[in-house]
Amino acid sequence: MMASRTDRGPVIDFDRFRPTRSSIRARKRKDRLMTVLIGLCFLVALIPLVSVLWISLSKGVRRLTPDFLTHNMSGVVGGNPTPFGGYGGILHAVIGTLEITFGSMVISIPVGVMCAVYLVEYAHGGRLAKAISLMVDVMSGIPSIVAGLFAFSMFALVVGPGTVNGLAGSVALSLLMLPTVVKTSEDMLAVVPDDLREAAYALGVTKQRTITSIVLRTALPGIVSGTILAVARVIGETAPLLIASGFIATTNPNLFSGRMTTLPVFVYNEYSQGLAVCGPGADPGCLTDIHMQRAWAAALVLILIVLLLNLLGRLVSRIFAVGRAR
């Protein structure tokens, strides 16, 4: 029916647009179907995550003892217990993981954030900005072992041939962290409303002060989240650290000298050794599967470290969020 016209204007027949009962039932069926499909997809995605966590927890918790966390692998022979009664530990690997990861954060975070600030606040889509963005995209696809070779070669040229230390591992990991830090920081800075910048400029605030006090402060939660993602991306790397930092059974707290062991390298080394030999004359407490026990326990510790870093990142984001500013 066409809309009729009266003295007050056209009259629209809204009943023509009212959905029928059959269409309403069809919509409800589609809604339920999509809800079920999304729920199934969620469960499918959750299966590998839960299985990895459960296997790591069930296999690693029995070896995760205070003795395992407070000793290194010095004096450990095969599957035999050490003179103090333990079977070796990961103290040296935990220290190496924390120091090398912290070193990579010190290198990559300031460089990545300043690069993102230049791209968003100063470059404004120029040729140099496009070249930098292209190089960042290329770096994000570099194999991790290439980063290790680069760090090893650089230290061989600067310090001397065969130089292997924790700092070289930090440089290798920083190359892998840098693209993630740059891209996430750039995205977070780009979504900061221009009204905040213009309001600051209208009050006479300098550009540098506006960036440091307003723009970066507003984008800080997203930058912290991106940094945590970058750390989680590199903390489990093995290949570059095997080349740049090496492996050692004792504890080396010096990041700038000597080989250092990280948890991923420790897990790889333990797994590659297979079963321990417990032949005639071996200690009564010799364990043939001690290597796998140590590998799973070290993997569980690595997962816990990543979890703690994520919780720390959320805490920092909440403390320094703009809404909590005074």
C-alpha atoms as a PDB file:
ATOM      1  CA  MET A   1       0.000   0.000   0.000  1.00  0.00           C
ATOM      2  CA  MET A   2       1.362   3.387  -0.984  1.00  0.00           C
ATOM      3  CA  ALA A   3       1.704   6.041   1.631  1.00  0.00           C
ATOM      4  CA  SER A   4      -1.371   8.258   1.661  1.00  0.00           C
ATOM      5  CA  ARG A   5      -1.245  12.015   1.950  1.00  0.00           C
ATOM      6  CA  THR A   6      -3.247  14.111   4.401  1.00  0.00           C
ATOM      7  CA  ASP A   7      -3.293  17.792   5.275  1.00  0.00           C
ATOM      8  CA  ARG A   8      -0.499  17.148   7.765  1.00  0.00           C
ATOM      9  CA  GLY A   9       1.717  15.358   5.260  1.00  0.00           C
ATOM     10  CA  PRO A  10       2.288  11.810   4.026  1.00  0.00           C
ATOM     11  CA  VAL A  11       1.236   8.918   6.220  1.00  0.00           C
ATOM     12  CA  ILE A  12       3.631   5.943   6.178  1.00  0.00           C
ATOM     13  CA  ASP A  13       2.284   2.451   6.629  1.00  0.00           C
ATOM     14  CA  PHE A  14       4.790   1.026   9.155  1.00  0.00           C
ATOM     15  CA  ASP A  15       2.974  -2.316   9.265  1.00  0.00           C
ATOM     16  CA  ARG A  16       4.638  -3.173   5.956  1.00  0.00           C
ATOM     17  CA  PHE A  17       8.051  -3.175   7.684  1.00  0.00           C
ATOM     18  CA  ARG A  18       6.989  -5.213  10.710  1.00  0.00           C
ATOM     19  CA  PRO A  19       8.765  -8.617  10.712  1.00  0.00           C
ATOM     20  CA  THR A  20       6.606 -11.663  10.411  1.00  0.00           C
ATOM     21  CA  ARG A  21       6.590 -14.517  12.902  1.00  0.00           C
ATOM     22  CA  SER A  22       8.415 -16.802  10.486  1.00  0.00           C
ATOM     23  CA  SER A  23      11.207 -14.261   9.956  1.00  0.00           C
ATOM     24  CA  ILE A  24      11.552 -13.760  13.716  1.00  0.00           C
ATOM     25  CA  ARG A  25      11.840 -17.527  14.245  1.00  0.00           C
ATOM     26  CA  ALA A  26      14.433 -17.749  11.453  1.00  0.00           C
ATOM     27  CA  ARG A  27      16.486 -14.989  13.084  1.00  0.00           C
ATOM     28  CA  LYS A  28      16.375 -16.753  16.442  1.00  0.00           C
ATOM     29  CA  ARG A  29      17.490 -20.019  14.839  1.00  0.00           C
ATOM     30  CA  LYS A  30      20.389 -18.275  13.130  1.00  0.00           C
ATOM     31  CA  ASP A  31      21.311 -16.537  16.378  1.00  0.00           C
ATOM     32  CA  ARG A  32      21.357 -19.826  18.301  1.00  0.00           C
ATOM     33  CA  LEU A  33      23.345 -21.514  15.520  1.00  0.00           C
ATOM     34  CA  MET A  34      25.998 -18.786  15.486  1.00  0.00           C
ATOM     35  CA  THR A  35      26.166 -18.809  19.286  1.00  0.00           C
ATOM     36  CA  VAL A  36      26.798 -22.560  19.259  1.00  0.00           C
ATOM     37  CA  LEU A  37      29.420 -22.249  16.487  1.00  0.00           C
ATOM     38  CA  ILE A  38      31.283 -19.471  18.306  1.00  0.00           C
ATOM     39  CA  GLY A  39      31.219 -21.487  21.527  1.00  0.00           C
ATOM     40  CA  LEU A  40      32.591 -24.555  19.731  1.00  0.00           C
ATOM     41  CA  CYS A  41      35.363 -22.488  18.136  1.00  0.00           C
ATOM     42  CA  PHE A  42      36.253 -21.135  21.571  1.00  0.00           C
ATOM     43  CA  LEU A  43      36.442 -24.642  23.006  1.00  0.00           C
ATOM     44  CA  VAL A  44      38.569 -25.862  20.083  1.00  0.00           C
ATOM     45  CA  ALA A  45      40.978 -22.946  20.574  1.00  0.00           C
ATOM     46  CA  LEU A  46      41.069 -23.674  24.310  1.00  0.00           C
ATOM     47  CA  ILE A  47      42.009 -27.350  23.902  1.00  0.00           C
ATOM     48  CA  PRO A  48      45.690 -26.879  22.939  1.00  0.00           C
ATOM     49  CA  LEU A  49      46.176 -24.162  25.567  1.00  0.00           C
ATOM     50  CA  VAL A  50      44.711 -26.225  28.372  1.00  0.00           C
ATOM     51  CA  SER A  51      46.545 -29.360  27.237  1.00  0.00           C
ATOM     52  CA  VAL A  52      49.911 -27.592  27.166  1.00  0.00           C
ATOM     53  CA  LEU A  53      49.356 -26.112  30.613  1.00  0.00           C
ATOM     54  CA  TRP A  54      48.113 -29.406  32.051  1.00  0.00           C
ATOM     55  CA  ILE A  55      50.963 -31.486  30.622  1.00  0.00           C
ATOM     56  CA  SER A  56      53.578 -28.955  31.738  1.00  0.00           C
ATOM     57  CA  LEU A  57      52.064 -28.801  35.209  1.00  0.00           C
ATOM     58  CA  SER A  58      51.596 -32.556  35.648  1.00  0.00           C
ATOM     59  CA  LYS A  59      55.052 -33.484  34.358  1.00  0.00           C
ATOM     60  CA  GLY A  60      57.007 -30.575  35.817  1.00  0.00           C
ATOM     61  CA  VAL A  61      55.588 -30.112  39.280  1.00  0.00           C
ATOM     62  CA  ARG A  62      57.160 -33.243  40.781  1.00  0.00           C
ATOM     63  CA  ARG A  63      60.678 -31.988  40.022  1.00  0.00           C
ATOM     64  CA  LEU A  64      59.870 -28.373  40.923  1.00  0.00           C
ATOM     65  CA  THR A  65      61.399 -28.320  44.398  1.00  0.00           C
ATOM     66  CA  PRO A  66      63.350 -25.681  46.350  1.00  0.00           C
ATOM     67  CA  ASP A  67      66.495 -27.693  45.686  1.00  0.00           C
ATOM     68  CA  PHE A  68      65.811 -27.572  41.936  1.00  0.00           C
ATOM     69  CA  LEU A  69      65.407 -23.798  42.048  1.00  0.00           C
ATOM     70  CA  THR A  70      68.456 -23.036  44.191  1.00  0.00           C
ATOM     71  CA  HIS A  71      71.177 -25.155  42.528  1.00  0.00           C
ATOM     72  CA  ASN A  72      72.822 -25.307  39.144  1.00  0.00           C
ATOM     73  CA  MET A  73      74.130 -28.254  37.130  1.00  0.00           C
ATOM     74  CA  SER A  74      77.697 -28.247  38.435  1.00  0.00           C
ATOM     75  CA  GLY A  75      78.759 -31.665  39.696  1.00  0.00           C
ATOM     76  CA  VAL A  76      75.821 -33.493  38.071  1.00  0.00           C
ATOM     77  CA  VAL A  77      76.823 -36.717  36.299  1.00  0.00           C
ATOM     78  CA  GLY A  78      74.208 -38.679  34.336  1.00  0.00           C
ATOM     79  CA  GLY A  79      71.190 -39.645  36.399  1.00  0.00           C
ATOM     80  CA  ASN A  80      73.116 -39.936  39.670  1.00  0.00           C
ATOM     81  CA  PRO A  81      72.290 -37.615  42.570  1.00  0.00           C
ATOM     82  CA  THR A  82      74.830 -35.014  43.602  1.00  0.00           C
ATOM     83  CA  PRO A  83      76.672 -35.162  46.954  1.00  0.00           C
ATOM     84  CA  PHE A  84      74.112 -32.789  48.523  1.00  0.00           C
ATOM     85  CA  GLY A  85      71.298 -35.176  47.556  1.00  0.00           C
ATOM     86  CA  GLY A  86      69.714 -33.359  44.621  1.00  0.00           C
ATOM     87  CA  TYR A  87      69.733 -33.900  40.879  1.00  0.00           C
ATOM     88  CA  GLY A  88      70.838 -30.478  39.719  1.00  0.00           C
ATOM     89  CA  GLY A  89      68.804 -27.360  39.200  1.00  0.00           C
ATOM     90  CA  ILE A  90      68.054 -24.341  37.065  1.00  0.00           C
ATOM     91  CA  LEU A  91      69.360 -21.455  39.171  1.00  0.00           C
ATOM     92  CA  HIS A  92      71.897 -20.530  36.499  1.00  0.00           C
ATOM     93  CA  ALA A  93      69.255 -20.753  33.750  1.00  0.00           C
ATOM     94  CA  VAL A  94      66.769 -18.561  35.640  1.00  0.00           C
ATOM     95  CA  ILE A  95      69.418 -15.919  36.273  1.00  0.00           C
ATOM     96  CA  GLY A  96      70.519 -16.061  32.645  1.00  0.00           C
ATOM     97  CA  THR A  97      66.932 -15.787  31.368  1.00  0.00           C
ATOM     98  CA  LEU A  98      66.128 -12.769  33.527  1.00  0.00           C
ATOM     99  CA  GLU A  99      69.365 -10.926  32.784  1.00  0.00           C
ATOM    100  CA  ILE A 100      69.371 -11.539  29.026  1.00  0.00           C
ATOM    101  CA  THR A 101      65.675 -10.685  28.706  1.00  0.00           C
ATOM    102  CA  PHE A 102      66.103  -7.537  30.781  1.00  0.00           C
ATOM    103  CA  GLY A 103      69.086  -6.546  28.640  1.00  0.00           C
ATOM    104  CA  SER A 104      67.032  -6.966  25.476  1.00  0.00           C
ATOM    105  CA  MET A 105      64.249  -4.845  26.983  1.00  0.00           C
ATOM    106  CA  VAL A 106      66.704  -2.065  27.863  1.00  0.00           C
ATOM    107  CA  ILE A 107      67.901  -2.020  24.252  1.00  0.00           C
ATOM    108  CA  SER A 108      64.648  -2.461  22.322  1.00  0.00           C
ATOM    109  CA  ILE A 109      62.002  -0.586  24.333  1.00  0.00           C
ATOM    110  CA  PRO A 110      63.550   2.930  24.244  1.00  0.00           C
ATOM    111  CA  VAL A 111      64.546   2.550  20.590  1.00  0.00           C
ATOM    112  CA  GLY A 112      61.178   1.116  19.597  1.00  0.00           C
ATOM    113  CA  VAL A 113      59.098   3.723  21.443  1.00  0.00           C
ATOM    114  CA  MET A 114      61.188   6.629  20.117  1.00  0.00           C
ATOM    115  CA  CYS A 115      60.929   5.220  16.607  1.00  0.00           C
ATOM    116  CA  ALA A 116      57.150   5.029  16.974  1.00  0.00           C
ATOM    117  CA  VAL A 117      57.045   8.614  18.302  1.00  0.00           C
ATOM    118  CA  TYR A 118      58.977   9.806  15.266  1.00  0.00           C
ATOM    119  CA  LEU A 119      56.692   7.964  12.848  1.00  0.00           C
ATOM    120  CA  VAL A 120      53.484   9.297  14.426  1.00  0.00           C
ATOM    121  CA  GLU A 121      54.414  12.760  15.703  1.00  0.00           C
ATOM    122  CA  TYR A 122      57.134  13.993  13.344  1.00  0.00           C
ATOM    123  CA  ALA A 123      57.341  12.047  10.077  1.00  0.00           C
ATOM    124  CA  HIS A 124      53.671  12.408   9.026  1.00  0.00           C
ATOM    125  CA  GLY A 125      53.906   9.760   6.288  1.00  0.00           C
ATOM    126  CA  GLY A 126      57.038  11.067   4.563  1.00  0.00           C
ATOM    127  CA  ARG A 127      59.475   9.030   2.508  1.00  0.00           C
ATOM    128  CA  LEU A 128      61.707   8.318   5.485  1.00  0.00           C
ATOM    129  CA  ALA A 129      58.716   7.151   7.496  1.00  0.00           C
ATOM    130  CA  LYS A 130      57.670   4.774   4.723  1.00  0.00           C
ATOM    131  CA  ALA A 131      61.218   3.408   4.501  1.00  0.00           C
ATOM    132  CA  ILE A 132      61.354   2.869   8.274  1.00  0.00           C
ATOM    133  CA  SER A 133      57.958   1.145   8.278  1.00  0.00           C
ATOM    134  CA  LEU A 134      59.115  -1.131   5.458  1.00  0.00           C
ATOM    135  CA  MET A 135      62.292  -2.054   7.313  1.00  0.00           C
ATOM    136  CA  VAL A 136      60.322  -2.768  10.490  1.00  0.00           C
ATOM    137  CA  ASP A 137      57.999  -5.064   8.562  1.00  0.00           C
ATOM    138  CA  VAL A 138      61.005  -6.841   7.051  1.00  0.00           C
ATOM    139  CA  MET A 139      62.620  -7.247  10.482  1.00  0.00           C
ATOM    140  CA  SER A 140      59.461  -8.839  11.858  1.00  0.00           C
ATOM    141  CA  GLY A 141      59.949 -11.736   9.438  1.00  0.00           C
ATOM    142  CA  ILE A 142      63.643 -12.346  10.123  1.00  0.00           C
ATOM    143  CA  PRO A 143      64.303 -15.911  11.384  1.00  0.00           C
ATOM    144  CA  SER A 144      65.507 -15.941  14.970  1.00  0.00           C
ATOM    145  CA  ILE A 145      68.687 -17.835  14.134  1.00  0.00           C
ATOM    146  CA  VAL A 146      69.682 -15.023  11.752  1.00  0.00           C
ATOM    147  CA  ALA A 147      69.455 -12.575  14.671  1.00  0.00           C
ATOM    148  CA  GLY A 148      71.762 -14.853  16.653  1.00  0.00           C
ATOM    149  CA  LEU A 149      74.252 -15.028  13.802  1.00  0.00           C
ATOM    150  CA  PHE A 150      74.172 -11.243  13.444  1.00  0.00           C
ATOM    151  CA  ALA A 151      74.854 -10.688  17.164  1.00  0.00           C
ATOM    152  CA  PHE A 152      77.638 -13.279  17.149  1.00  0.00           C
ATOM    153  CA  SER A 153      79.256 -11.714  14.075  1.00  0.00           C
ATOM    154  CA  MET A 154      78.955  -8.182  15.453  1.00  0.00           C
ATOM    155  CA  PHE A 155      80.640  -9.087  18.737  1.00  0.00           C
ATOM    156  CA  ALA A 156      83.294 -11.045  16.848  1.00  0.00           C
ATOM    157  CA  LEU A 157      84.144  -7.891  14.882  1.00  0.00           C
ATOM    158  CA  VAL A 158      83.917  -5.449  17.800  1.00  0.00           C
ATOM    159  CA  VAL A 159      85.270  -7.476  20.723  1.00  0.00           C
ATOM    160  CA  GLY A 160      87.084 -10.374  19.104  1.00  0.00           C
ATOM    161  CA  PRO A 161      86.524 -13.707  17.357  1.00  0.00           C
ATOM    162  CA  GLY A 162      84.596 -16.290  19.342  1.00  0.00           C
ATOM    163  CA  THR A 163      83.064 -13.795  21.790  1.00  0.00           C
ATOM    164  CA  VAL A 164      80.041 -15.391  23.465  1.00  0.00           C
ATOM    165  CA  ASN A 165      78.303 -13.713  26.392  1.00  0.00           C
ATOM    166  CA  GLY A 166      74.911 -12.702  27.718  1.00  0.00           C
ATOM    167  CA  LEU A 167      75.018  -9.250  26.149  1.00  0.00           C
ATOM    168  CA  ALA A 168      75.294 -10.810  22.694  1.00  0.00           C
ATOM    169  CA  GLY A 169      72.159 -12.787  23.494  1.00  0.00           C
ATOM    170  CA  SER A 170      70.416  -9.583  24.583  1.00  0.00           C
ATOM    171  CA  VAL A 171      71.320  -7.927  21.292  1.00  0.00           C
ATOM    172  CA  ALA A 172      69.981 -10.914  19.363  1.00  0.00           C
ATOM    173  CA  LEU A 173      66.686 -10.884  21.283  1.00  0.00           C
ATOM    174  CA  SER A 174      66.363  -7.105  20.941  1.00  0.00           C
ATOM    175  CA  LEU A 175      66.383  -7.495  17.159  1.00  0.00           C
ATOM    176  CA  LEU A 176      63.395  -9.818  17.491  1.00  0.00           C
ATOM    177  CA  MET A 177      61.610  -7.586  20.006  1.00  0.00           C
ATOM    178  CA  LEU A 178      62.075  -4.309  18.151  1.00  0.00           C
ATOM    179  CA  PRO A 179      59.478  -4.782  15.362  1.00  0.00           C
ATOM    180  CA  THR A 180      56.741  -5.738  17.829  1.00  0.00           C
ATOM    181  CA  VAL A 181      57.521  -2.787  20.097  1.00  0.00           C
ATOM    182  CA  VAL A 182      57.569  -0.342  17.174  1.00  0.00           C
ATOM    183  CA  LYS A 183      54.319  -1.538  15.581  1.00  0.00           C
ATOM    184  CA  THR A 184      52.312  -1.764  18.802  1.00  0.00           C
ATOM    185  CA  SER A 185      53.602   1.592  20.060  1.00  0.00           C
ATOM    186  CA  GLU A 186      52.858   3.202  16.706  1.00  0.00           C
ATOM    187  CA  ASP A 187      49.311   1.861  16.720  1.00  0.00           C
ATOM    188  CA  MET A 188      48.708   3.036  20.289  1.00  0.00           C
ATOM    189  CA  LEU A 189      50.100   6.519  19.622  1.00  0.00           C
ATOM    190  CA  ALA A 190      48.031   6.835  16.450  1.00  0.00           C
ATOM    191  CA  VAL A 191      44.740   6.272  18.300  1.00  0.00           C
ATOM    192  CA  VAL A 192      45.395   9.070  20.804  1.00  0.00           C
ATOM    193  CA  PRO A 193      42.822  11.768  19.930  1.00  0.00           C
ATOM    194  CA  ASP A 194      44.215  14.847  18.196  1.00  0.00           C
ATOM    195  CA  ASP A 195      41.999  16.952  20.466  1.00  0.00           C
ATOM    196  CA  LEU A 196      44.376  16.231  23.349  1.00  0.00           C
ATOM    197  CA  ARG A 197      47.343  17.491  21.356  1.00  0.00           C
ATOM    198  CA  GLU A 198      45.510  20.580  20.136  1.00  0.00           C
ATOM    199  CA  ALA A 199      44.294  21.410  23.639  1.00  0.00           C
ATOM    200  CA  ALA A 200      47.852  21.211  24.946  1.00  0.00           C
ATOM    201  CA  TYR A 201      49.187  23.388  22.127  1.00  0.00           C
ATOM    202  CA  ALA A 202      46.411  25.924  22.782  1.00  0.00           C
ATOM    203  CA  LEU A 203      47.602  26.203  26.383  1.00  0.00           C
ATOM    204  CA  GLY A 204      51.132  26.913  25.204  1.00  0.00           C
ATOM    205  CA  VAL A 205      52.600  23.503  26.029  1.00  0.00           C
ATOM    206  CA  THR A 206      55.625  22.594  23.927  1.00  0.00           C
ATOM    207  CA  LYS A 207      55.519  19.675  21.510  1.00  0.00           C
ATOM    208  CA  GLN A 208      58.069  17.697  23.496  1.00  0.00           C
ATOM    209  CA  ARG A 209      56.124  18.178  26.746  1.00  0.00           C
ATOM    210  CA  THR A 210      52.865  17.281  25.003  1.00  0.00           C
ATOM    211  CA  ILE A 211      54.333  14.033  23.721  1.00  0.00           C
ATOM    212  CA  THR A 212      55.932  12.961  26.996  1.00  0.00           C
ATOM    213  CA  SER A 213      53.200  14.085  29.409  1.00  0.00           C
ATOM    214  CA  ILE A 214      50.010  13.595  27.391  1.00  0.00           C
ATOM    215  CA  VAL A 215      50.449  11.404  24.326  1.00  0.00           C
ATOM    216  CA  LEU A 216      52.748   8.785  25.851  1.00  0.00           C
ATOM    217  CA  ARG A 217      50.829   8.822  29.120  1.00  0.00           C
ATOM    218  CA  THR A 218      47.568   8.179  27.288  1.00  0.00           C
ATOM    219  CA  ALA A 219      49.041   5.385  25.175  1.00  0.00           C
ATOM    220  CA  LEU A 220      51.030   3.818  28.040  1.00  0.00           C
ATOM    221  CA  PRO A 221      48.683   0.852  28.749  1.00  0.00           C
ATOM    222  CA  GLY A 222      48.796  -0.210  25.104  1.00  0.00           C
ATOM    223  CA  ILE A 223      52.558   0.276  24.905  1.00  0.00           C
ATOM    224  CA  VAL A 224      53.049  -1.857  28.018  1.00  0.00           C
ATOM    225  CA  SER A 225      50.818  -4.571  26.568  1.00  0.00           C
ATOM    226  CA  GLY A 226      52.820  -4.536  23.337  1.00  0.00           C
ATOM    227  CA  THR A 227      56.053  -4.747  25.288  1.00  0.00           C
ATOM    228  CA  ILE A 228      54.786  -7.765  27.219  1.00  0.00           C
ATOM    229  CA  LEU A 229      53.854  -9.415  23.924  1.00  0.00           C
ATOM    230  CA  ALA A 230      57.357  -8.736  22.625  1.00  0.00           C
ATOM    231  CA  VAL A 231      58.929 -10.205  25.756  1.00  0.00           C
ATOM    232  CA  ALA A 232      56.723 -13.293  25.517  1.00  0.00           C
ATOM    233  CA  ARG A 233      57.797 -13.559  21.873  1.00  0.00           C
ATOM    234  CA  VAL A 234      61.519 -13.724  22.661  1.00  0.00           C
ATOM    235  CA  ILE A 235      61.764 -15.251  26.130  1.00  0.00           C
ATOM    236  CA  GLY A 236      61.280 -18.728  24.673  1.00  0.00           C
ATOM    237  CA  GLU A 237      63.846 -18.384  21.877  1.00  0.00           C
ATOM    238  CA  THR A 238      66.536 -21.043  21.776  1.00  0.00           C
ATOM    239  CA  ALA A 239      68.421 -20.914  18.455  1.00  0.00           C
ATOM    240  CA  PRO A 240      69.836 -17.358  18.696  1.00  0.00           C
ATOM    241  CA  LEU A 241      70.950 -17.877  22.305  1.00  0.00           C
ATOM    242  CA  LEU A 242      72.711 -21.135  21.508  1.00  0.00           C
ATOM    243  CA  ILE A 243      74.862 -19.132  19.090  1.00  0.00           C
ATOM    244  CA  ALA A 244      75.208 -15.821  20.932  1.00  0.00           C
ATOM    245  CA  SER A 245      75.231 -16.855  24.609  1.00  0.00           C
ATOM    246  CA  GLY A 246      76.150 -20.543  24.553  1.00  0.00           C
ATOM    247  CA  PHE A 247      75.597 -23.014  27.382  1.00  0.00           C
ATOM    248  CA  ILE A 248      77.221 -23.418  30.797  1.00  0.00           C
ATOM    249  CA  ALA A 249      76.486 -25.658  33.775  1.00  0.00           C
ATOM    250  CA  THR A 250      77.510 -23.134  36.446  1.00  0.00           C
ATOM    251  CA  THR A 251      76.009 -19.815  37.481  1.00  0.00           C
ATOM    252  CA  ASN A 252      77.360 -16.737  35.690  1.00  0.00           C
ATOM    253  CA  PRO A 253      75.756 -13.496  36.926  1.00  0.00           C
ATOM    254  CA  ASN A 254      77.913 -11.299  34.682  1.00  0.00           C
ATOM    255  CA  LEU A 255      75.956 -10.304  31.571  1.00  0.00           C
ATOM    256  CA  PHE A 256      79.044  -8.855  29.891  1.00  0.00           C
ATOM    257  CA  SER A 257      81.489 -11.742  30.201  1.00  0.00           C
ATOM    258  CA  GLY A 258      81.325 -15.492  29.771  1.00  0.00           C
ATOM    259  CA  ARG A 259      78.681 -17.912  28.599  1.00  0.00           C
ATOM    260  CA  MET A 260      75.176 -17.807  30.039  1.00  0.00           C
ATOM    261  CA  THR A 261      72.384 -20.367  30.004  1.00  0.00           C
ATOM    262  CA  THR A 262      68.699 -19.551  29.620  1.00  0.00           C
ATOM    263  CA  LEU A 263      65.700 -21.722  30.378  1.00  0.00           C
ATOM    264  CA  PRO A 264      64.860 -22.522  26.722  1.00  0.00           C
ATOM    265  CA  VAL A 265      68.464 -23.554  26.078  1.00  0.00           C
ATOM    266  CA  PHE A 266      68.430 -25.626  29.273  1.00  0.00           C
ATOM    267  CA  VAL A 267      65.227 -27.391  28.186  1.00  0.00           C
ATOM    268  CA  TYR A 268      66.679 -28.104  24.740  1.00  0.00           C
ATOM    269  CA  ASN A 269      69.923 -29.420  26.189  1.00  0.00           C
ATOM    270  CA  GLU A 270      68.150 -31.712  28.672  1.00  0.00           C
ATOM    271  CA  TYR A 271      65.730 -33.051  26.069  1.00  0.00           C
ATOM    272  CA  SER A 272      68.501 -33.721  23.539  1.00  0.00           C
ATOM    273  CA  GLN A 273      70.361 -35.946  26.022  1.00  0.00           C
ATOM    274  CA  GLY A 274      67.520 -38.488  26.184  1.00  0.00           C
ATOM    275  CA  LEU A 275      67.645 -41.149  28.888  1.00  0.00           C
ATOM    276  CA  ALA A 276      70.423 -41.155  31.474  1.00  0.00           C
ATOM    277  CA  VAL A 277      72.621 -44.223  31.857  1.00  0.00           C
ATOM    278  CA  CYS A 278      72.218 -46.148  35.114  1.00  0.00           C
ATOM    279  CA  GLY A 279      74.349 -49.235  34.572  1.00  0.00           C
ATOM    280  CA  PRO A 280      76.017 -51.612  37.007  1.00  0.00           C
ATOM    281  CA  GLY A 281      77.647 -49.812  39.893  1.00  0.00           C
ATOM    282  CA  ALA A 282      75.437 -46.738  39.528  1.00  0.00           C
ATOM    283  CA  ASP A 283      74.093 -44.933  42.551  1.00  0.00           C
ATOM    284  CA  PRO A 284      70.889 -46.508  43.969  1.00  0.00           C
ATOM    285  CA  GLY A 285      69.119 -43.208  43.453  1.00  0.00           C
ATOM    286  CA  CYS A 286      70.013 -42.978  39.742  1.00  0.00           C
ATOM    287  CA  LEU A 287      67.069 -41.907  37.573  1.00  0.00           C
ATOM    288  CA  THR A 288      67.031 -42.765  33.897  1.00  0.00           C
ATOM    289  CA  ASP A 289      64.386 -40.153  33.058  1.00  0.00           C
ATOM    290  CA  ILE A 290      65.955 -37.324  35.050  1.00  0.00           C
ATOM    291  CA  HIS A 291      66.678 -35.300  31.893  1.00  0.00           C
ATOM    292  CA  MET A 292      63.022 -35.233  30.901  1.00  0.00           C
ATOM    293  CA  GLN A 293      61.975 -34.392  34.460  1.00  0.00           C
ATOM    294  CA  ARG A 294      64.329 -31.432  34.521  1.00  0.00           C
ATOM    295  CA  ALA A 295      63.180 -30.335  31.052  1.00  0.00           C
ATOM    296  CA  TRP A 296      59.494 -30.314  32.013  1.00  0.00           C
ATOM    297  CA  ALA A 297      60.192 -28.557  35.331  1.00  0.00           C
ATOM    298  CA  ALA A 298      62.231 -25.871  33.557  1.00  0.00           C
ATOM    299  CA  ALA A 299      59.450 -25.430  30.983  1.00  0.00           C
ATOM    300  CA  LEU A 300      56.948 -24.960  33.808  1.00  0.00           C
ATOM    301  CA  VAL A 301      59.161 -22.313  35.416  1.00  0.00           C
ATOM    302  CA  LEU A 302      59.396 -20.520  32.069  1.00  0.00           C
ATOM    303  CA  ILE A 303      55.590 -20.467  31.799  1.00  0.00           C
ATOM    304  CA  LEU A 304      55.341 -19.078  35.334  1.00  0.00           C
ATOM    305  CA  ILE A 305      57.849 -16.328  34.506  1.00  0.00           C
ATOM    306  CA  VAL A 306      55.805 -15.311  31.459  1.00  0.00           C
ATOM    307  CA  LEU A 307      52.672 -15.300  33.631  1.00  0.00           C
ATOM    308  CA  LEU A 308      54.349 -13.073  36.225  1.00  0.00           C
ATOM    309  CA  LEU A 309      55.520 -10.684  33.513  1.00  0.00           C
ATOM    310  CA  ASN A 310      51.963 -10.405  32.193  1.00  0.00           C
ATOM    311  CA  LEU A 311      50.619  -9.701  35.673  1.00  0.00           C
ATOM    312  CA  LEU A 312      53.351  -7.111  36.208  1.00  0.00           C
ATOM    313  CA  GLY A 313      52.497  -5.457  32.890  1.00  0.00           C
ATOM    314  CA  ARG A 314      48.808  -5.248  33.842  1.00  0.00           C
ATOM    315  CA  LEU A 315      49.750  -3.745  37.209  1.00  0.00           C
ATOM    316  CA  VAL A 316      51.955  -1.104  35.579  1.00  0.00           C
ATOM    317  CA  SER A 317      49.217  -0.266  33.066  1.00  0.00           C
ATOM    318  CA  ARG A 318      46.677   0.149  35.846  1.00  0.00           C
ATOM    319  CA  ILE A 319      48.955   2.296  38.009  1.00  0.00           C
ATOM    320  CA  PHE A 320      49.985   4.678  35.230  1.00  0.00           C
ATOM    321  CA  ALA A 321      46.661   4.776  33.380  1.00  0.00           C
ATOM    322  CA  VAL A 322      45.326   8.239  32.609  1.00  0.00           C
ATOM    323  CA  GLY A 323      42.202   7.659  34.669  1.00  0.00           C
ATOM    324  CA  ARG A 324      44.337   7.248  37.821  1.00  0.00           C
ATOM    325  CA  ALA A 325      46.397  10.350  37.187  1.00  0.00           C
ATOM    326  CA  ARG A 326      46.147  12.994  39.896  1.00  0.00           C
END
